[in-house]
C-alpha atoms as a PDB file:
ATOM      1  CA  MET A   1     -18.269 127.387 119.439  1.00  0.00           C
ATOM      2  CA  GLU A   2     -19.563 128.512 116.155  1.00  0.00           C
ATOM      3  CA  ALA A   3     -23.143 127.886 115.014  1.00  0.00           C
ATOM      4  CA  SER A   4     -23.788 124.315 114.073  1.00  0.00           C
ATOM      5  CA  ILE A   5     -22.878 123.173 110.516  1.00  0.00           C
ATOM      6  CA  SER A   6     -24.004 119.742 109.668  1.00  0.00           C
ATOM      7  CA  PRO A   7     -22.240 118.456 106.458  1.00  0.00           C
ATOM      8  CA  SER A   8     -24.571 116.613 104.023  1.00  0.00           C
ATOM      9  CA  ARG A   9     -22.081 113.817 103.982  1.00  0.00           C
ATOM     10  CA  GLY A  10     -20.114 112.903 107.059  1.00  0.00           C
ATOM     11  CA  LEU A  11     -16.480 113.593 107.017  1.00  0.00           C
ATOM     12  CA  ILE A  12     -13.886 111.025 108.139  1.00  0.00           C
ATOM     13  CA  TYR A  13     -10.678 112.427 109.761  1.00  0.00           C
ATOM     14  CA  CYS A  14      -7.827 110.298 111.100  1.00  0.00           C
ATOM     15  CA  PHE A  15      -5.371 111.561 113.738  1.00  0.00           C
ATOM     16  CA  ALA A  16      -1.930 110.252 112.929  1.00  0.00           C
ATOM     17  CA  ASN A  17       1.621 110.632 114.033  1.00  0.00           C
ATOM     18  CA  GLN A  18       4.085 107.654 114.205  1.00  0.00           C
ATOM     19  CA  LYS A  19       5.644 109.215 117.410  1.00  0.00           C
ATOM     20  CA  GLY A  20       4.027 108.407 120.661  1.00  0.00           C
ATOM     21  CA  GLY A  21       3.277 110.830 123.466  1.00  0.00           C
ATOM     22  CA  VAL A  22       2.410 113.753 121.108  1.00  0.00           C
ATOM     23  CA  GLY A  23      -1.159 114.288 122.459  1.00  0.00           C
ATOM     24  CA  LYS A  24      -2.821 112.355 119.627  1.00  0.00           C
ATOM     25  CA  THR A  25      -5.328 110.548 121.719  1.00  0.00           C
ATOM     26  CA  THR A  26      -6.066 113.641 123.970  1.00  0.00           C
ATOM     27  CA  THR A  27      -6.605 115.664 120.849  1.00  0.00           C
ATOM     28  CA  THR A  28      -8.940 113.089 119.097  1.00  0.00           C
ATOM     29  CA  VAL A  29     -11.024 112.600 122.341  1.00  0.00           C
ATOM     30  CA  ASN A  30     -11.371 116.231 123.303  1.00  0.00           C
ATOM     31  CA  LEU A  31     -12.168 117.374 119.734  1.00  0.00           C
ATOM     32  CA  ALA A  32     -14.881 114.612 119.623  1.00  0.00           C
ATOM     33  CA  ALA A  33     -16.225 115.952 122.976  1.00  0.00           C
ATOM     34  CA  TYR A  34     -16.427 119.651 121.791  1.00  0.00           C
ATOM     35  CA  LEU A  35     -17.887 118.752 118.402  1.00  0.00           C
ATOM     36  CA  ALA A  36     -20.581 116.537 120.058  1.00  0.00           C
ATOM     37  CA  ALA A  37     -21.399 119.088 122.730  1.00  0.00           C
ATOM     38  CA  SER A  38     -21.988 121.676 120.004  1.00  0.00           C
ATOM     39  CA  GLY A  39     -24.696 119.528 118.425  1.00  0.00           C
ATOM     40  CA  ARG A  40     -22.682 117.652 115.765  1.00  0.00           C
ATOM     41  CA  ARG A  41     -23.100 113.878 115.529  1.00  0.00           C
ATOM     42  CA  VAL A  42     -19.713 112.238 116.202  1.00  0.00           C
ATOM     43  CA  LEU A  43     -18.304 108.790 115.956  1.00  0.00           C
ATOM     44  CA  LEU A  44     -15.006 108.354 117.587  1.00  0.00           C
ATOM     45  CA  VAL A  45     -13.081 105.208 116.348  1.00  0.00           C
ATOM     46  CA  ASP A  46     -10.312 103.932 118.582  1.00  0.00           C
ATOM     47  CA  ALA A  47      -7.865 102.210 116.199  1.00  0.00           C
ATOM     48  CA  ASP A  48      -5.076 101.945 118.631  1.00  0.00           C
ATOM     49  CA  SER A  49      -4.610  98.505 120.463  1.00  0.00           C
ATOM     50  CA  GLN A  50      -3.509 100.506 123.648  1.00  0.00           C
ATOM     51  CA  ALA A  51      -7.226 101.537 123.706  1.00  0.00           C
ATOM     52  CA  ASN A  52      -6.492 104.876 125.439  1.00  0.00           C
ATOM     53  CA  ALA A  53      -9.318 106.690 123.615  1.00  0.00           C
ATOM     54  CA  THR A  54     -11.684 103.938 124.811  1.00  0.00           C
ATOM     55  CA  SER A  55     -10.649 104.226 128.494  1.00  0.00           C
ATOM     56  CA  SER A  56     -10.387 108.053 128.173  1.00  0.00           C
ATOM     57  CA  LEU A  57     -14.280 107.890 127.727  1.00  0.00           C
ATOM     58  CA  GLY A  58     -14.755 105.737 130.747  1.00  0.00           C
ATOM     59  CA  ILE A  59     -15.267 102.478 128.745  1.00  0.00           C
ATOM     60  CA  ASP A  60     -13.366  99.371 130.069  1.00  0.00           C
ATOM     61  CA  LYS A  61     -10.810  98.287 127.456  1.00  0.00           C
ATOM     62  CA  GLN A  62     -10.882  94.767 128.908  1.00  0.00           C
ATOM     63  CA  ARG A  63     -14.580  94.292 128.240  1.00  0.00           C
ATOM     64  CA  GLU A  64     -15.590  91.265 126.215  1.00  0.00           C
ATOM     65  CA  GLU A  65     -18.078  93.000 123.967  1.00  0.00           C
ATOM     66  CA  PRO A  66     -17.367  93.390 120.208  1.00  0.00           C
ATOM     67  CA  SER A  67     -14.790  95.960 119.322  1.00  0.00           C
ATOM     68  CA  LEU A  68     -12.871  97.342 116.285  1.00  0.00           C
ATOM     69  CA  TYR A  69     -10.916  93.972 116.122  1.00  0.00           C
ATOM     70  CA  ASP A  70     -14.097  92.171 115.301  1.00  0.00           C
ATOM     71  CA  VAL A  71     -15.040  94.793 112.715  1.00  0.00           C
ATOM     72  CA  LEU A  72     -11.621  94.594 110.880  1.00  0.00           C
ATOM     73  CA  LEU A  73     -11.637  90.774 110.891  1.00  0.00           C
ATOM     74  CA  SER A  74     -15.193  90.213 110.047  1.00  0.00           C
ATOM     75  CA  GLU A  75     -15.727  87.600 107.332  1.00  0.00           C
ATOM     76  CA  THR A  76     -13.956  88.776 104.209  1.00  0.00           C
ATOM     77  CA  GLY A  77     -14.733  92.268 105.375  1.00  0.00           C
ATOM     78  CA  ALA A  78     -18.163  92.097 103.609  1.00  0.00           C
ATOM     79  CA  ASP A  79     -20.082  92.440 106.832  1.00  0.00           C
ATOM     80  CA  ALA A  80     -17.814  95.032 108.380  1.00  0.00           C
ATOM     81  CA  ASP A  81     -20.577  97.634 108.691  1.00  0.00           C
ATOM     82  CA  VAL A  82     -22.900  95.062 110.354  1.00  0.00           C
ATOM     83  CA  ALA A  83     -20.086  94.314 112.833  1.00  0.00           C
ATOM     84  CA  ALA A  84     -19.419  97.914 113.405  1.00  0.00           C
ATOM     85  CA  ARG A  85     -23.140  98.580 114.295  1.00  0.00           C
ATOM     86  CA  ASP A  86     -22.894  95.809 116.867  1.00  0.00           C
ATOM     87  CA  ALA A  87     -19.688  97.263 118.357  1.00  0.00           C
ATOM     88  CA  ILE A  88     -20.627 100.851 118.661  1.00  0.00           C
ATOM     89  CA  VAL A  89     -21.159 102.166 122.180  1.00  0.00           C
ATOM     90  CA  LYS A  90     -23.285 105.253 122.913  1.00  0.00           C
ATOM     91  CA  ILE A  91     -21.583 107.742 125.344  1.00  0.00           C
ATOM     92  CA  ASP A  92     -24.787 108.469 127.202  1.00  0.00           C
ATOM     93  CA  ARG A  93     -23.954 111.621 129.066  1.00  0.00           C
ATOM     94  CA  PRO A  94     -26.050 114.640 129.170  1.00  0.00           C
ATOM     95  CA  ILE A  95     -23.278 117.044 128.139  1.00  0.00           C
ATOM     96  CA  PHE A  96     -23.002 115.338 124.710  1.00  0.00           C
ATOM     97  CA  GLY A  97     -26.763 115.376 124.163  1.00  0.00           C
ATOM     98  CA  GLY A  98     -26.752 111.757 122.555  1.00  0.00           C
ATOM     99  CA  ASN A  99     -24.333 112.964 119.873  1.00  0.00           C
ATOM    100  CA  LEU A 100     -21.172 111.030 120.779  1.00  0.00           C
ATOM    101  CA  ASP A 101     -20.610 107.341 119.941  1.00  0.00           C
ATOM    102  CA  LEU A 102     -17.551 105.194 120.286  1.00  0.00           C
ATOM    103  CA  LEU A 103     -16.285 102.336 118.163  1.00  0.00           C
ATOM    104  CA  PRO A 104     -13.993 100.933 120.867  1.00  0.00           C
ATOM    105  CA  SER A 105     -10.686  99.150 120.721  1.00  0.00           C
ATOM    106  CA  SER A 106      -9.522  96.152 122.695  1.00  0.00           C
ATOM    107  CA  VAL A 107      -6.114  94.545 123.521  1.00  0.00           C
ATOM    108  CA  GLU A 108      -6.989  91.993 120.772  1.00  0.00           C
ATOM    109  CA  LEU A 109      -6.420  94.662 118.120  1.00  0.00           C
ATOM    110  CA  ALA A 110      -2.699  94.188 118.566  1.00  0.00           C
ATOM    111  CA  GLY A 111      -3.019  90.920 116.610  1.00  0.00           C
ATOM    112  CA  ALA A 112      -5.078  92.514 113.870  1.00  0.00           C
ATOM    113  CA  GLU A 113      -2.030  93.767 111.944  1.00  0.00           C
ATOM    114  CA  VAL A 114      -0.552  90.216 111.954  1.00  0.00           C
ATOM    115  CA  GLU A 115      -3.894  88.707 110.681  1.00  0.00           C
ATOM    116  CA  LEU A 116      -4.443  91.421 108.055  1.00  0.00           C
ATOM    117  CA  ALA A 117      -0.873  90.931 106.755  1.00  0.00           C
ATOM    118  CA  ALA A 118      -1.930  87.595 105.616  1.00  0.00           C
ATOM    119  CA  GLU A 119      -4.788  89.024 103.490  1.00  0.00           C
ATOM    120  CA  ALA A 120      -4.307  89.975  99.819  1.00  0.00           C
ATOM    121  CA  GLN A 121      -2.696  93.314  99.249  1.00  0.00           C
ATOM    122  CA  GLY A 122      -5.176  95.871  97.882  1.00  0.00           C
ATOM    123  CA  SER A 123      -8.079  94.584 100.087  1.00  0.00           C
ATOM    124  CA  ARG A 124      -6.522  94.520 103.575  1.00  0.00           C
ATOM    125  CA  GLU A 125      -5.865  98.255 103.508  1.00  0.00           C
ATOM    126  CA  TYR A 126      -9.600  99.078 102.939  1.00  0.00           C
ATOM    127  CA  ARG A 127     -11.218  97.035 105.758  1.00  0.00           C
ATOM    128  CA  LEU A 128     -11.869 100.195 107.814  1.00  0.00           C
ATOM    129  CA  LYS A 129     -13.171 102.129 104.873  1.00  0.00           C
ATOM    130  CA  ALA A 130     -15.696  99.290 104.221  1.00  0.00           C
ATOM    131  CA  ALA A 131     -16.935  99.512 107.792  1.00  0.00           C
ATOM    132  CA  LEU A 132     -17.177 103.304 108.050  1.00  0.00           C
ATOM    133  CA  THR A 133     -18.565 104.381 104.692  1.00  0.00           C
ATOM    134  CA  PRO A 134     -22.161 103.290 105.507  1.00  0.00           C
ATOM    135  CA  PHE A 135     -22.044 105.520 108.664  1.00  0.00           C
ATOM    136  CA  ARG A 136     -21.290 108.808 106.770  1.00  0.00           C
ATOM    137  CA  GLU A 137     -25.079 109.293 106.483  1.00  0.00           C
ATOM    138  CA  LYS A 138     -25.502 108.958 110.327  1.00  0.00           C
ATOM    139  CA  TYR A 139     -22.620 111.153 111.469  1.00  0.00           C
ATOM    140  CA  ASP A 140     -21.267 114.622 110.781  1.00  0.00           C
ATOM    141  CA  TYR A 141     -17.744 113.602 111.850  1.00  0.00           C
ATOM    142  CA  ILE A 142     -16.053 110.309 112.170  1.00  0.00           C
ATOM    143  CA  LEU A 143     -12.695 110.712 114.041  1.00  0.00           C
ATOM    144  CA  VAL A 144     -10.158 107.892 113.953  1.00  0.00           C
ATOM    145  CA  ASP A 145      -7.476 107.721 116.584  1.00  0.00           C
ATOM    146  CA  CYS A 146      -4.420 105.975 114.951  1.00  0.00           C
ATOM    147  CA  PRO A 147      -1.660 103.993 116.725  1.00  0.00           C
ATOM    148  CA  PRO A 148       1.644 105.516 117.064  1.00  0.00           C
ATOM    149  CA  SER A 149       3.126 103.658 113.945  1.00  0.00           C
ATOM    150  CA  LEU A 150       2.710 103.646 110.181  1.00  0.00           C
ATOM    151  CA  GLY A 151       1.503  99.964 109.960  1.00  0.00           C
ATOM    152  CA  LEU A 152      -1.579  98.478 108.447  1.00  0.00           C
ATOM    153  CA  LEU A 153      -3.960  99.949 111.057  1.00  0.00           C
ATOM    154  CA  THR A 154      -2.810 103.431 110.263  1.00  0.00           C
ATOM    155  CA  LEU A 155      -2.890 102.696 106.516  1.00  0.00           C
ATOM    156  CA  ASN A 156      -6.483 101.565 106.899  1.00  0.00           C
ATOM    157  CA  ALA A 157      -7.318 104.859 108.592  1.00  0.00           C
ATOM    158  CA  LEU A 158      -5.523 106.875 105.919  1.00  0.00           C
ATOM    159  CA  SER A 159      -7.338 104.889 103.238  1.00  0.00           C
ATOM    160  CA  ALA A 160     -10.707 105.617 104.733  1.00  0.00           C
ATOM    161  CA  ALA A 161     -10.181 109.261 105.687  1.00  0.00           C
ATOM    162  CA  ASP A 162     -11.056 112.411 103.786  1.00  0.00           C
ATOM    163  CA  ALA A 163      -8.261 114.254 105.688  1.00  0.00           C
ATOM    164  CA  VAL A 164      -5.683 113.715 108.285  1.00  0.00           C
ATOM    165  CA  ILE A 165      -5.096 115.887 111.459  1.00  0.00           C
ATOM    166  CA  ILE A 166      -1.593 115.644 112.689  1.00  0.00           C
ATOM    167  CA  PRO A 167      -0.942 116.342 116.331  1.00  0.00           C
ATOM    168  CA  LEU A 168       2.598 117.494 116.793  1.00  0.00           C
ATOM    169  CA  GLN A 169       4.344 118.263 120.017  1.00  0.00           C
ATOM    170  CA  CYS A 170       6.350 121.525 120.409  1.00  0.00           C
ATOM    171  CA  GLU A 171       9.710 119.740 120.776  1.00  0.00           C
ATOM    172  CA  TYR A 172      12.969 119.730 118.903  1.00  0.00           C
ATOM    173  CA  LEU A 173      12.688 116.518 116.959  1.00  0.00           C
ATOM    174  CA  ALA A 174       8.980 117.164 115.990  1.00  0.00           C
ATOM    175  CA  LEU A 175       9.817 118.307 112.406  1.00  0.00           C
ATOM    176  CA  GLU A 176      11.826 115.167 111.552  1.00  0.00           C
ATOM    177  CA  GLY A 177       8.890 113.036 112.435  1.00  0.00           C
ATOM    178  CA  LEU A 178       6.482 115.211 110.568  1.00  0.00           C
ATOM    179  CA  MET A 179       8.421 114.859 107.365  1.00  0.00           C
ATOM    180  CA  GLN A 180       8.368 111.052 107.640  1.00  0.00           C
ATOM    181  CA  LEU A 181       4.665 111.289 108.075  1.00  0.00           C
ATOM    182  CA  THR A 182       4.111 113.545 105.123  1.00  0.00           C
ATOM    183  CA  ASN A 183       6.037 111.173 102.981  1.00  0.00           C
ATOM    184  CA  THR A 184       3.814 108.367 103.973  1.00  0.00           C
ATOM    185  CA  ILE A 185       0.789 110.475 103.152  1.00  0.00           C
ATOM    186  CA  SER A 186       2.283 111.225  99.766  1.00  0.00           C
ATOM    187  CA  LEU A 187       2.612 107.472  99.128  1.00  0.00           C
ATOM    188  CA  VAL A 188      -1.018 106.845 100.229  1.00  0.00           C
ATOM    189  CA  LEU A 189      -2.125 109.719  97.868  1.00  0.00           C
ATOM    190  CA  LYS A 190      -0.468 107.948  94.898  1.00  0.00           C
ATOM    191  CA  GLY A 191      -1.776 104.503  95.649  1.00  0.00           C
ATOM    192  CA  LEU A 192      -4.566 104.009  98.239  1.00  0.00           C
ATOM    193  CA  ASN A 193      -6.425 107.299  98.621  1.00  0.00           C
ATOM    194  CA  ARG A 194      -6.007 109.918  95.934  1.00  0.00           C
ATOM    195  CA  SER A 195      -8.316 112.337  97.584  1.00  0.00           C
ATOM    196  CA  LEU A 196      -6.517 112.438 101.000  1.00  0.00           C
ATOM    197  CA  ARG A 197      -5.766 115.951 102.367  1.00  0.00           C
ATOM    198  CA  ILE A 198      -4.036 117.273 105.392  1.00  0.00           C
ATOM    199  CA  LEU A 199      -6.736 119.239 107.259  1.00  0.00           C
ATOM    200  CA  GLY A 200      -4.263 120.694 109.735  1.00  0.00           C
ATOM    201  CA  ILE A 201      -1.351 120.341 112.125  1.00  0.00           C
ATOM    202  CA  ALA A 202      -2.300 120.789 115.705  1.00  0.00           C
ATOM    203  CA  MET A 203       0.609 122.009 117.770  1.00  0.00           C
ATOM    204  CA  THR A 204       0.416 120.408 121.338  1.00  0.00           C
ATOM    205  CA  MET A 205       2.226 120.543 124.565  1.00  0.00           C
ATOM    206  CA  TYR A 206       3.014 124.184 123.954  1.00  0.00           C
ATOM    207  CA  ASP A 207       4.934 125.800 126.860  1.00  0.00           C
ATOM    208  CA  SER A 208       4.879 129.528 126.661  1.00  0.00           C
ATOM    209  CA  ARG A 209       7.618 129.825 129.237  1.00  0.00           C
ATOM    210  CA  THR A 210      10.253 128.503 126.876  1.00  0.00           C
ATOM    211  CA  ASN A 211      11.802 129.820 123.644  1.00  0.00           C
ATOM    212  CA  LEU A 212      11.941 126.212 122.310  1.00  0.00           C
ATOM    213  CA  SER A 213       8.192 125.913 121.965  1.00  0.00           C
ATOM    214  CA  ALA A 214       7.885 129.209 119.962  1.00  0.00           C
ATOM    215  CA  GLN A 215      10.864 128.309 117.747  1.00  0.00           C
ATOM    216  CA  VAL A 216       9.290 124.784 116.955  1.00  0.00           C
ATOM    217  CA  VAL A 217       5.959 126.499 116.019  1.00  0.00           C
ATOM    218  CA  GLN A 218       7.652 128.969 113.820  1.00  0.00           C
ATOM    219  CA  GLU A 219       9.791 126.251 112.141  1.00  0.00           C
ATOM    220  CA  VAL A 220       6.820 124.079 111.433  1.00  0.00           C
ATOM    221  CA  LYS A 221       4.860 127.122 110.094  1.00  0.00           C
ATOM    222  CA  GLY A 222       7.847 127.921 107.821  1.00  0.00           C
ATOM    223  CA  HIS A 223       7.473 124.500 106.112  1.00  0.00           C
ATOM    224  CA  PHE A 224       3.687 124.213 106.313  1.00  0.00           C
ATOM    225  CA  PRO A 225       2.264 127.808 106.565  1.00  0.00           C
ATOM    226  CA  ARG A 226      -1.348 126.844 105.522  1.00  0.00           C
ATOM    227  CA  GLU A 227      -1.690 123.663 107.477  1.00  0.00           C
ATOM    228  CA  VAL A 228      -0.806 124.721 111.095  1.00  0.00           C
ATOM    229  CA  PHE A 229      -3.875 125.489 113.211  1.00  0.00           C
ATOM    230  CA  ASN A 230      -3.756 128.967 114.903  1.00  0.00           C
ATOM    231  CA  THR A 231      -4.651 127.276 118.269  1.00  0.00           C
ATOM    232  CA  LEU A 232      -1.745 126.212 120.437  1.00  0.00           C
ATOM    233  CA  VAL A 233      -2.688 123.379 122.913  1.00  0.00           C
ATOM    234  CA  PRO A 234      -0.762 124.035 126.129  1.00  0.00           C
ATOM    235  CA  ARG A 235       1.142 121.614 128.182  1.00  0.00           C
ATOM    236  CA  SER A 236      -1.399 121.035 130.984  1.00  0.00           C
ATOM    237  CA  VAL A 237      -1.721 118.769 134.061  1.00  0.00           C
ATOM    238  CA  ARG A 238      -5.507 118.947 133.842  1.00  0.00           C
ATOM    239  CA  LEU A 239      -5.426 117.496 130.318  1.00  0.00           C
ATOM    240  CA  SER A 240      -3.135 114.670 131.623  1.00  0.00           C
ATOM    241  CA  GLU A 241      -5.507 113.994 134.561  1.00  0.00           C
ATOM    242  CA  ALA A 242      -8.888 113.833 132.877  1.00  0.00           C
ATOM    243  CA  PRO A 243      -8.475 110.425 131.248  1.00  0.00           C
ATOM    244  CA  SER A 244      -7.817 108.677 134.496  1.00  0.00           C
ATOM    245  CA  TYR A 245     -11.352 109.633 135.566  1.00  0.00           C
ATOM    246  CA  GLY A 246     -12.795 108.542 132.195  1.00  0.00           C
ATOM    247  CA  LEU A 247     -13.648 112.151 131.420  1.00  0.00           C
ATOM    248  CA  THR A 248     -12.951 114.707 128.652  1.00  0.00           C
ATOM    249  CA  ILE A 249     -11.483 117.993 129.594  1.00  0.00           C
ATOM    250  CA  LEU A 250     -14.870 119.554 128.858  1.00  0.00           C
ATOM    251  CA  GLU A 251     -16.292 117.506 131.710  1.00  0.00           C
ATOM    252  CA  TYR A 252     -13.332 117.400 133.938  1.00  0.00           C
ATOM    253  CA  ASP A 253     -12.304 121.141 134.108  1.00  0.00           C
ATOM    254  CA  PRO A 254     -14.209 123.177 131.476  1.00  0.00           C
ATOM    255  CA  ASN A 255     -12.539 126.431 132.681  1.00  0.00           C
ATOM    256  CA  SER A 256      -8.992 125.220 132.274  1.00  0.00           C
ATOM    257  CA  ARG A 257      -6.481 126.492 129.693  1.00  0.00           C
ATOM    258  CA  GLY A 258      -6.536 123.131 128.013  1.00  0.00           C
ATOM    259  CA  ALA A 259     -10.400 123.205 127.719  1.00  0.00           C
ATOM    260  CA  ALA A 260     -10.227 126.654 126.090  1.00  0.00           C
ATOM    261  CA  ALA A 261      -7.600 125.507 123.638  1.00  0.00           C
ATOM    262  CA  TYR A 262      -9.648 122.504 122.512  1.00  0.00           C
ATOM    263  CA  ALA A 263     -12.882 124.575 122.242  1.00  0.00           C
ATOM    264  CA  ALA A 264     -10.960 126.976 119.967  1.00  0.00           C
ATOM    265  CA  LEU A 265      -9.374 124.108 117.910  1.00  0.00           C
ATOM    266  CA  ALA A 266     -12.875 122.549 117.361  1.00  0.00           C
ATOM    267  CA  ASP A 267     -14.011 125.859 116.011  1.00  0.00           C
ATOM    268  CA  GLU A 268     -11.031 125.832 113.563  1.00  0.00           C
ATOM    269  CA  VAL A 269     -11.808 122.162 112.624  1.00  0.00           C
ATOM    270  CA  VAL A 270     -15.472 123.173 111.807  1.00  0.00           C
ATOM    271  CA  ALA A 271     -14.352 126.039 109.740  1.00  0.00           C
ATOM    272  CA  ARG A 272     -11.907 124.045 107.697  1.00  0.00           C
ATOM    273  CA  SER A 273     -14.383 121.290 107.393  1.00  0.00           C
ATOM    274  CA  ALA A 274     -16.911 123.706 105.811  1.00  0.00           C
ATOM    275  CA  ARG A 275     -14.422 124.457 103.032  1.00  0.00           C
ATOM    276  CA  LEU A 276     -13.331 120.774 102.645  1.00  0.00           C
ATOM    277  CA  GLN A 277     -16.930 119.587 102.354  1.00  0.00           C
ATOM    278  CA  GLY A 278     -17.446 121.180  98.975  1.00  0.00           C
ATOM    279  CA  SER A 279     -14.400 119.544  97.491  1.00  0.00           C
ATOM    280  CA  VAL A 280     -14.681 116.055  98.860  1.00  0.00           C
ATOM    281  CA  VAL A 281     -15.476 113.623  96.024  1.00  0.00           C
ATOM    282  CA  GLN A 282     -18.948 112.258  96.511  1.00  0.00           C
END
């Protein structure tokens, strides 16, 4: 990893793709792990009702403690930051040096979109932003794992974020889904968050044995030459196994190909963050 760079104001990144099974949660969790292990202060926000990021860090998704649901549905949203402070869980494992915290999800979050839909338009999309903004002083990076949809939870994440990271699997239909997502980002730019950027596109599930993976990477680079990260995350059994033990790949198999890829991707995120930091509106 590169030498530690602590932004003066924490950056909020959301990880979004309306398609499921693209490595979105795997990417969010493992980037959080490598950033925290390198000395950055990281808050991982699980905004998906499936709560896979929560369980990937060994936290029981069925627990009855406060969660992101309570944060988003706090009274009029005014006390969202207080609710978030109560809900945050410290991932107290030596490898992270006390730098990794989690704002967990729960199965209740599935009902949040319905409840938020009843709120006035123009306020319901900013609940997450209200909760996270006060924490920019405490964390270097706030990483939000979005659900595999473009509903209100994802819109909340896009409204709160400085930039979006798009995990994209190296498969034939990937580009079609990417175009739909970038159209949504364009609409968010016009209405909800005019400073939103695309930090990068992370190509996942790359299989070097097939021509298809290489062709998909080249096609995506042809449309988004500056956005695609250089690191290609391989299709890996070890990456798939780690969450079942409540571990990140850094803990489960730090010498695997998947671990090496996420270490390199974290370096790229840090480098791009240093450039973005100077242009983020304070």
